[in-house]
Protein backbone atom coordinates (compact mmCIF):
# COMPACT_ATOMS: atom_id res chain seq x y z
CA MET A 1 55.28 -125.48 13.21
CA GLU A 2 57.60 -123.70 15.63
CA THR A 3 56.93 -120.19 16.81
CA MET A 4 59.97 -117.96 16.62
CA ILE A 5 60.56 -116.09 19.84
CA PRO A 6 63.01 -113.21 19.53
CA SER A 7 66.10 -113.68 21.64
CA THR A 8 66.79 -111.44 24.58
CA THR A 9 69.63 -109.89 22.59
CA ALA A 10 67.33 -109.12 19.66
CA ARG A 11 64.71 -107.59 21.95
CA SER A 12 67.37 -105.48 23.67
CA ALA A 13 68.70 -104.29 20.34
CA ARG A 14 65.18 -103.42 19.19
CA ARG A 15 64.53 -101.44 22.40
CA ARG A 16 67.84 -99.58 22.06
CA HIS A 17 67.07 -98.70 18.44
CA ARG A 18 63.58 -97.47 19.36
CA LEU A 19 64.94 -95.38 22.23
CA PHE A 20 67.63 -93.96 19.94
CA THR A 21 64.94 -93.08 17.39
CA VAL A 22 62.78 -91.26 19.96
CA LEU A 23 65.80 -89.36 21.32
CA SER A 24 66.98 -88.53 17.79
CA ALA A 25 63.58 -87.10 16.91
CA THR A 26 63.70 -85.00 20.06
CA ALA A 27 67.18 -83.75 19.19
CA ALA A 28 66.05 -82.94 15.64
CA THR A 29 63.08 -80.87 16.79
CA LEU A 30 65.19 -79.07 19.40
CA LEU A 31 67.73 -78.25 16.71
CA GLY A 32 64.90 -76.98 14.51
CA TRP A 33 63.65 -74.81 17.37
CA ALA A 34 67.19 -73.45 17.97
CA VAL A 35 67.64 -72.54 14.31
CA ALA A 36 64.23 -70.88 14.07
CA VAL A 37 63.94 -69.06 17.38
CA PRO A 38 67.33 -67.84 18.66
CA LEU A 39 69.15 -67.87 15.31
CA ALA A 40 66.47 -66.76 12.83
CA GLY A 41 64.52 -64.69 15.34
CA VAL A 42 61.12 -66.32 14.82
CA GLU A 43 58.69 -65.44 17.58
CA LEU A 44 57.34 -68.93 18.09
CA THR A 45 53.89 -68.55 19.58
CA ALA A 46 50.81 -70.70 19.27
CA ARG A 47 47.15 -70.00 19.93
CA SER A 48 45.18 -72.43 22.02
CA GLY A 49 41.69 -71.67 23.25
CA GLY A 50 42.10 -68.02 22.27
CA VAL A 51 45.27 -67.66 24.36
CA GLU A 52 48.68 -67.10 22.77
CA GLN A 53 51.72 -68.61 24.39
CA ARG A 54 55.37 -68.99 23.50
CA VAL A 55 56.56 -72.40 22.43
CA SER A 56 59.58 -73.17 24.59
CA PRO A 57 62.30 -75.73 23.93
CA VAL A 58 60.92 -77.72 26.88
CA ALA A 59 57.50 -77.86 25.20
CA VAL A 60 59.15 -78.98 21.95
CA ALA A 61 61.17 -81.70 23.71
CA VAL A 62 58.29 -82.99 25.82
CA SER A 63 55.89 -83.05 22.86
CA THR A 64 58.35 -84.94 20.70
CA LEU A 65 59.18 -87.41 23.47
CA LEU A 66 55.49 -88.08 24.15
CA ALA A 67 54.73 -88.55 20.45
CA GLY A 68 57.69 -90.91 20.08
CA LEU A 69 56.81 -92.94 23.15
CA ALA A 70 53.17 -93.17 22.06
CA GLY A 71 54.27 -94.40 18.63
CA TRP A 72 56.56 -96.94 20.26
CA ALA A 73 53.77 -98.16 22.56
CA LEU A 74 51.33 -98.53 19.68
CA LEU A 75 53.90 -100.45 17.65
CA ALA A 76 54.59 -102.79 20.58
CA LEU A 77 50.85 -103.42 21.04
CA LEU A 78 50.31 -104.09 17.36
CA GLU A 79 53.24 -106.52 17.33
CA ARG A 80 51.51 -108.51 20.07
CA PHE A 81 48.10 -108.65 18.44
CA THR A 82 48.62 -108.68 14.69
CA GLY A 83 50.93 -110.20 12.14
CA ARG A 84 50.78 -107.00 10.10
CA ALA A 85 52.08 -104.62 12.75
CA ARG A 86 54.50 -102.81 10.44
CA ALA A 87 51.90 -102.02 7.78
CA VAL A 88 49.15 -101.07 10.23
CA TRP A 89 51.49 -98.95 12.34
CA THR A 90 52.89 -97.12 9.31
CA VAL A 91 49.42 -96.17 8.07
CA VAL A 92 48.36 -95.00 11.54
CA ALA A 93 51.62 -93.08 12.08
CA VAL A 94 51.35 -91.22 8.77
CA LEU A 95 47.69 -90.38 9.42
CA VAL A 96 48.52 -89.10 12.91
CA LEU A 97 51.34 -86.99 11.47
CA LEU A 98 49.02 -85.49 8.86
CA LEU A 99 46.34 -84.80 11.46
CA SER A 100 48.93 -83.24 13.77
CA LEU A 101 49.61 -80.61 11.11
CA LEU A 102 46.13 -79.20 11.71
CA GLY A 103 47.33 -77.83 15.07
CA PRO A 104 50.07 -75.57 13.71
CA VAL A 105 48.06 -74.60 10.64
CA SER A 106 45.15 -73.42 12.77
CA GLY A 107 47.09 -72.39 15.87
CA GLY A 108 50.28 -70.72 14.70
CA ALA A 109 50.40 -67.03 15.58
CA GLY A 110 51.64 -65.57 12.30
CA ARG A 111 53.17 -67.02 9.15
CA ALA A 112 56.66 -67.57 10.51
CA ALA A 113 55.36 -69.30 13.64
CA THR A 114 52.97 -71.45 11.61
CA LEU A 115 55.69 -72.49 9.16
CA THR A 116 58.12 -73.22 11.99
CA LEU A 117 55.58 -75.35 13.86
CA VAL A 118 54.75 -77.30 10.67
CA VAL A 119 58.46 -77.90 10.06
CA LEU A 120 58.93 -79.11 13.65
CA HIS A 121 56.06 -81.58 13.23
CA LEU A 122 57.51 -82.80 9.93
CA LEU A 123 60.99 -83.14 11.47
CA ALA A 124 59.62 -85.32 14.24
CA GLY A 125 57.69 -87.43 11.75
CA ALA A 126 60.66 -87.72 9.39
CA VAL A 127 62.69 -89.33 12.17
CA LEU A 128 60.00 -91.27 14.06
CA VAL A 129 58.09 -92.89 11.21
CA PRO A 130 60.98 -94.53 9.34
CA GLY A 131 63.01 -95.08 12.51
CA LEU A 132 60.32 -96.94 14.43
CA ARG A 133 58.99 -98.66 11.30
CA ARG A 134 62.43 -100.13 10.68
CA THR A 135 62.30 -101.90 14.07
CA ALA A 136 58.90 -103.53 13.51
CA GLY A 137 58.67 -107.27 13.10
CA ARG A 138 57.88 -108.34 9.56
């Protein structure tokens, strides 16, 4: 039985799609931040270790990029070591998204900030989970 090795073109297309997904998630969360903070006037602050700090667009972008790249790395690892990478990755990604909501729920400084942070997490997940899942080998 022959093993199918993806062509260089297929691998390049997969990488481009994954990069586009990570960048799209970042753009979505930055857009969410822009709508909430400058346009709607939400004071976006979070509590961490008893200290309140503003959530800047840089923090939003970096957090989304890191989450996306971590998801991409996990998917790539799973593809190497299991034939069920898509299913395993999807379960892990959804669980991580749900767990990530604990941060804003417990750390948002006020209702508007908490709601905004939850929405930003959900925006990132709404782009990253289906976008990266779509690129996984079957």
